Protein backbone atom coordinates (compact mmCIF):
# COMPACT_ATOMS: atom_id res chain seq x y z
CA MET A 1 0.00 0.00 0.00
CA CYS A 2 1.13 3.56 -0.70
CA ARG A 3 1.50 6.47 1.72
CA PHE A 4 0.34 10.03 1.16
CA LEU A 5 -0.12 13.42 2.81
CA ALA A 6 -2.15 16.54 2.00
CA TYR A 7 -2.15 19.98 3.57
CA THR A 8 -4.32 23.07 3.29
CA GLY A 9 -3.98 26.33 5.20
CA GLU A 10 -1.49 29.14 5.54
CA PRO A 11 1.37 28.83 3.03
CA ILE A 12 4.30 26.72 4.24
CA TYR A 13 7.37 25.25 2.61
CA LEU A 14 6.73 21.65 1.60
CA ASP A 15 9.75 20.29 3.45
CA THR A 16 8.15 21.44 6.74
CA LEU A 17 5.87 18.40 6.58
CA LEU A 18 7.37 16.14 3.92
CA ILE A 19 11.01 15.99 5.09
CA GLU A 20 11.64 17.60 8.48
CA PRO A 21 9.43 15.50 10.82
CA GLU A 22 10.99 12.34 12.23
CA ALA A 23 8.23 10.21 10.70
CA SER A 24 7.91 12.35 7.56
CA LEU A 25 6.42 11.06 4.33
CA VAL A 26 9.93 10.69 2.90
CA SER A 27 10.84 8.57 5.94
CA GLN A 28 7.68 6.52 5.43
CA SER A 29 8.80 5.71 1.90
CA LEU A 30 11.58 3.66 3.49
CA SER A 31 9.90 2.55 6.70
CA ALA A 32 6.12 2.92 6.97
CA ARG A 33 4.53 1.92 10.27
CA GLU A 34 0.91 1.25 9.32
CA ALA A 35 1.21 -0.06 5.78
CA LYS A 36 0.89 -3.60 4.47
CA THR A 37 4.18 -2.98 2.68
CA VAL A 38 6.87 -1.28 4.80
CA VAL A 39 8.87 0.08 1.86
CA ASN A 40 7.16 2.43 -0.60
CA GLY A 41 9.90 2.90 -3.16
CA ASP A 42 8.13 2.62 -6.52
CA GLY A 43 8.13 6.34 -7.25
CA CYS A 44 6.94 9.56 -5.67
CA GLY A 45 5.24 12.82 -6.52
CA ILE A 46 3.97 16.17 -5.28
CA GLY A 47 1.33 18.57 -6.53
CA TRP A 48 0.81 22.12 -5.28
CA TYR A 49 -1.36 25.17 -5.93
CA GLY A 50 0.18 28.60 -6.37
CA ALA A 51 -1.05 31.82 -7.98
CA ARG A 52 -2.57 30.06 -10.99
CA PRO A 53 -5.67 27.84 -10.86
CA GLU A 54 -3.89 24.81 -12.32
CA PRO A 55 -1.44 23.05 -10.00
CA GLY A 56 2.24 22.42 -10.42
CA VAL A 57 3.20 18.74 -10.43
CA TYR A 58 6.43 16.80 -10.00
CA ARG A 59 6.55 13.01 -10.35
CA GLY A 60 9.45 10.61 -10.61
CA THR A 61 10.30 6.92 -10.46
CA LEU A 62 13.11 7.24 -7.93
CA PRO A 63 12.29 6.36 -4.32
CA ALA A 64 11.50 9.50 -2.35
CA TRP A 65 14.43 8.94 -0.01
CA SER A 66 16.93 9.19 -2.88
CA ASP A 67 15.25 11.77 -5.13
CA ALA A 68 17.41 14.90 -4.92
CA ASN A 69 15.07 16.85 -7.20
CA LEU A 70 12.13 16.13 -4.89
CA ALA A 71 14.11 17.34 -1.87
CA SER A 72 15.17 20.50 -3.69
CA LEU A 73 11.60 21.32 -4.71
CA CYS A 74 10.30 20.72 -1.19
CA ARG A 75 12.86 23.18 0.19
CA SER A 76 12.02 25.80 -2.45
CA VAL A 77 8.23 25.60 -2.95
CA GLU A 78 5.87 27.37 -0.55
CA ALA A 79 2.19 26.54 -0.97
CA ARG A 80 -1.17 26.93 0.74
CA LEU A 81 -2.41 23.57 -0.53
CA PHE A 82 -0.38 20.56 -1.61
CA LEU A 83 -0.52 16.78 -2.05
CA ALA A 84 2.35 14.31 -1.80
CA HIS A 85 2.54 10.57 -2.47
CA VAL A 86 5.04 7.70 -2.20
CA ARG A 87 4.13 4.59 -4.16
CA SER A 88 4.12 0.88 -3.50
CA ALA A 89 2.81 -0.55 -6.76
CA THR A 90 -0.17 -2.92 -6.67
CA SER A 91 -1.15 -2.50 -10.33
CA GLY A 92 0.89 -1.01 -13.13
CA GLU A 93 4.64 -1.17 -13.47
CA VAL A 94 7.10 1.31 -11.97
CA SER A 95 6.90 4.18 -14.45
CA PHE A 96 6.52 7.94 -14.51
CA SER A 97 2.98 7.62 -15.88
CA ASN A 98 1.84 5.53 -12.93
CA CYS A 99 3.16 7.88 -10.25
CA HIS A 100 0.78 10.05 -8.24
CA PRO A 101 -0.66 12.63 -7.97
CA PHE A 102 -2.60 12.65 -11.23
CA SER A 103 -3.78 15.97 -12.61
CA ALA A 104 -6.39 17.25 -15.06
CA GLY A 105 -7.08 20.95 -15.30
CA LYS A 106 -7.52 22.28 -11.77
CA HIS A 107 -7.84 18.82 -10.22
CA LEU A 108 -5.26 16.75 -8.33
CA PHE A 109 -5.92 13.16 -7.26
CA MET A 110 -3.94 10.54 -5.35
CA HIS A 111 -4.95 7.11 -4.13
CA ASN A 112 -3.99 4.35 -1.74
CA GLY A 113 -5.69 1.00 -2.16
CA GLN A 114 -6.62 -1.29 -5.01
CA ILE A 115 -9.34 -2.79 -7.13
CA GLY A 116 -9.01 -6.45 -6.22
CA GLY A 117 -8.51 -8.68 -9.24
CA TYR A 118 -7.86 -5.67 -11.45
CA PRO A 119 -5.97 -7.54 -14.21
CA ALA A 120 -9.09 -9.61 -14.93
CA ILE A 121 -11.33 -6.55 -15.36
CA ARG A 122 -8.83 -3.94 -16.52
CA ARG A 123 -10.35 -3.56 -20.00
CA SER A 124 -13.84 -3.21 -18.52
CA VAL A 125 -12.66 -0.62 -15.99
CA GLU A 126 -10.95 1.36 -18.74
CA ALA A 127 -14.19 1.26 -20.71
CA LEU A 128 -15.72 3.38 -17.95
CA ILE A 129 -13.53 6.28 -19.12
CA PRO A 130 -15.48 8.37 -21.66
CA ASP A 131 -13.91 8.65 -25.10
CA PRO A 132 -13.27 12.43 -24.88
CA ILE A 133 -11.28 11.84 -21.68
CA TYR A 134 -9.53 8.59 -22.58
CA GLY A 135 -6.81 10.51 -24.43
CA ARG A 136 -5.53 11.60 -21.01
CA ARG A 137 -4.73 7.98 -20.11
CA ARG A 138 -0.95 7.68 -19.80
CA GLY A 139 -0.31 4.76 -17.46
CA ASN A 140 -1.91 1.39 -16.76
CA SER A 141 -2.76 1.61 -13.07
CA ASP A 142 -6.19 1.25 -11.51
CA SER A 143 -5.67 4.58 -9.70
CA GLU A 144 -5.46 6.63 -12.89
CA ALA A 145 -8.42 4.72 -14.35
CA ILE A 146 -10.55 5.62 -11.31
CA PHE A 147 -9.60 9.29 -11.61
CA LEU A 148 -10.34 9.54 -15.32
CA SER A 149 -13.60 7.64 -14.95
CA ALA A 150 -14.67 10.04 -12.18
CA LEU A 151 -13.85 13.00 -14.44
CA GLY A 152 -16.48 11.65 -16.81
CA GLN A 153 -18.99 11.27 -13.99
CA GLY A 154 -19.16 14.97 -13.11
CA LEU A 155 -16.12 15.50 -10.92
CA ASP A 156 -16.26 19.25 -11.59
CA THR A 157 -19.74 19.69 -10.14
CA ASP A 158 -20.20 16.90 -7.56
CA PRO A 159 -16.89 15.23 -6.60
CA ALA A 160 -18.32 12.79 -4.04
CA ARG A 161 -21.05 11.56 -6.38
CA ALA A 162 -18.57 11.18 -9.24
CA ILE A 163 -16.21 9.09 -7.12
CA ALA A 164 -19.11 7.05 -5.71
CA ARG A 165 -20.49 6.24 -9.17
CA THR A 166 -17.06 5.16 -10.36
CA LEU A 167 -16.39 2.89 -7.38
CA GLU A 168 -19.86 1.36 -7.64
CA ALA A 169 -19.26 0.58 -11.31
CA CYS A 170 -15.88 -0.99 -10.53
CA HIS A 171 -17.40 -3.08 -7.75
CA ARG A 172 -20.15 -4.33 -10.05
CA LEU A 173 -17.47 -5.44 -12.51
CA GLN A 174 -15.74 -7.35 -9.72
CA ILE A 175 -19.00 -9.06 -8.72
CA ASN A 176 -19.90 -9.93 -12.31
CA GLU A 177 -16.46 -11.49 -12.81
CA GLY A 178 -16.72 -13.48 -9.56
CA ILE A 179 -13.80 -11.62 -7.97
CA THR A 180 -13.75 -11.97 -4.18
CA GLU A 181 -10.80 -9.68 -3.50
CA ALA A 182 -11.87 -6.39 -1.96
CA LEU A 183 -11.99 -2.92 -3.44
CA ARG A 184 -10.14 -0.71 -0.95
CA PHE A 185 -9.99 3.03 -1.37
CA THR A 186 -8.47 5.95 0.45
CA ALA A 187 -7.87 9.01 -1.68
CA ILE A 188 -7.41 12.76 -1.74
CA LEU A 189 -8.97 14.97 -4.39
CA SER A 190 -8.57 18.74 -4.69
CA ASP A 191 -9.71 21.49 -7.03
CA GLY A 192 -7.40 24.09 -5.48
CA GLU A 193 -10.04 25.32 -3.07
CA ASN A 194 -11.29 22.27 -1.18
CA LEU A 195 -9.72 19.00 -0.10
CA HIS A 196 -11.84 15.86 -0.35
CA ALA A 197 -10.65 12.84 1.63
CA PHE A 198 -12.22 9.42 1.13
CA ARG A 199 -11.88 6.25 3.18
CA CYS A 200 -13.92 3.16 2.31
CA ALA A 201 -13.77 -0.48 1.25
CA SER A 202 -16.05 -3.23 0.01
CA ASP A 203 -14.99 -5.26 3.07
CA ASP A 204 -14.28 -4.05 6.60
CA ARG A 205 -10.61 -3.20 6.04
CA PRO A 206 -10.22 0.27 4.48
CA PRO A 207 -6.65 1.58 4.44
CA SER A 208 -5.65 3.90 7.26
CA LEU A 209 -6.30 7.64 7.07
CA TYR A 210 -5.85 10.38 9.69
CA TRP A 211 -6.29 14.12 10.02
CA ARG A 212 -5.22 16.82 12.45
CA HIS A 213 -5.04 20.55 12.97
CA MET A 214 -1.61 22.03 12.34
CA SER A 215 -0.36 25.50 13.17
CA GLY A 216 -2.22 27.48 10.53
CA GLY A 217 -3.78 24.58 8.64
CA ILE A 218 -5.04 21.01 8.45
CA ALA A 219 -3.17 17.89 7.37
CA VAL A 220 -4.55 14.56 6.17
CA ALA A 221 -2.20 11.57 5.99
CA SER A 222 -2.06 7.80 5.63
CA GLU A 223 -0.32 7.68 9.00
CA PRO A 224 0.82 10.24 11.60
CA PHE A 225 4.07 11.99 10.72
CA VAL A 226 4.67 13.84 14.01
CA SER A 227 5.19 12.22 17.40
CA ASN A 228 2.15 13.58 19.27
CA GLU A 229 -0.30 11.01 18.01
CA ASN A 230 -2.98 12.10 20.50
CA GLU A 231 -3.65 15.08 18.25
CA TRP A 232 -4.44 12.85 15.27
CA HIS A 233 -7.98 11.72 14.48
CA ALA A 234 -8.81 8.68 12.40
CA VAL A 235 -11.06 9.43 9.45
CA PRO A 236 -13.99 7.06 10.04
CA ALA A 237 -14.44 4.08 7.77
CA ASN A 238 -16.89 4.60 4.90
CA CYS A 239 -16.56 8.36 5.10
CA HIS A 240 -16.09 11.39 2.86
CA MET A 241 -14.37 14.33 4.57
CA THR A 242 -14.47 17.80 3.02
CA ILE A 243 -12.02 20.48 4.13
CA GLY A 244 -12.76 23.99 2.91
CA LYS A 245 -14.00 26.96 4.89
CA ASP A 246 -15.38 24.35 7.28
CA ILE A 247 -14.80 20.64 7.92
CA ALA A 248 -17.63 18.26 7.07
CA PHE A 249 -18.10 14.49 7.24
CA GLU A 250 -20.65 12.37 5.42
CA ASP A 251 -21.25 8.67 4.93
CA PHE A 252 -19.60 7.25 1.84
CA MET A 253 -19.99 3.55 1.08
CA ILE A 254 -19.25 1.29 -1.86
CA ALA A 255 -22.57 -0.11 -2.98
């Protein structure tokens, strides 16, 4: 399983959260504490929002702990909203195109989890991507397929409904194919204004996801990255969390 982190609030340099803490995301790429796979070395990426509506993105296939360009960017970029991801591949080879976060226009998306039995239904899942959007397909991971499918389901106007429709369609494909492996999904989506955090699964084992108030902002992460874990709150299972002017929670289940 992958590890990720997102932040929104007062502008900070990215290394403040991604490199400096003892249990930073870069440290988790080498030694995660709450992941099925301890090492997450199959690539990394960051996406951030600045003065323009479309985000900046950096992705690479080097492990985060050895990516000098990533470290340099984190020391140099100051942002009010950013996403960061370290990958442990479950579908799709180690390649630039399969690294997170994925972007389209103003949107950034990153994912931890998997569509169980994906190789058997890959063509059917890809068929969920509308033809006008399919040209954006660059990799072969289930994560990118989910994102592009959701774009075609109205991500611009109703993000939660678009993600829900996509996951429901993927789950129906699993059922129709007789796949018993679970669909597990934690993800972060942003349009540059709001953060949407999702945590759900078709069984009772959704990947971990936490949030906490920081000095001047809010962070959401796969696992705590600072030592005071009492200040972290688990995002409930089967939940959609929205962080904007306010924080809101709503039920979000895979039908």
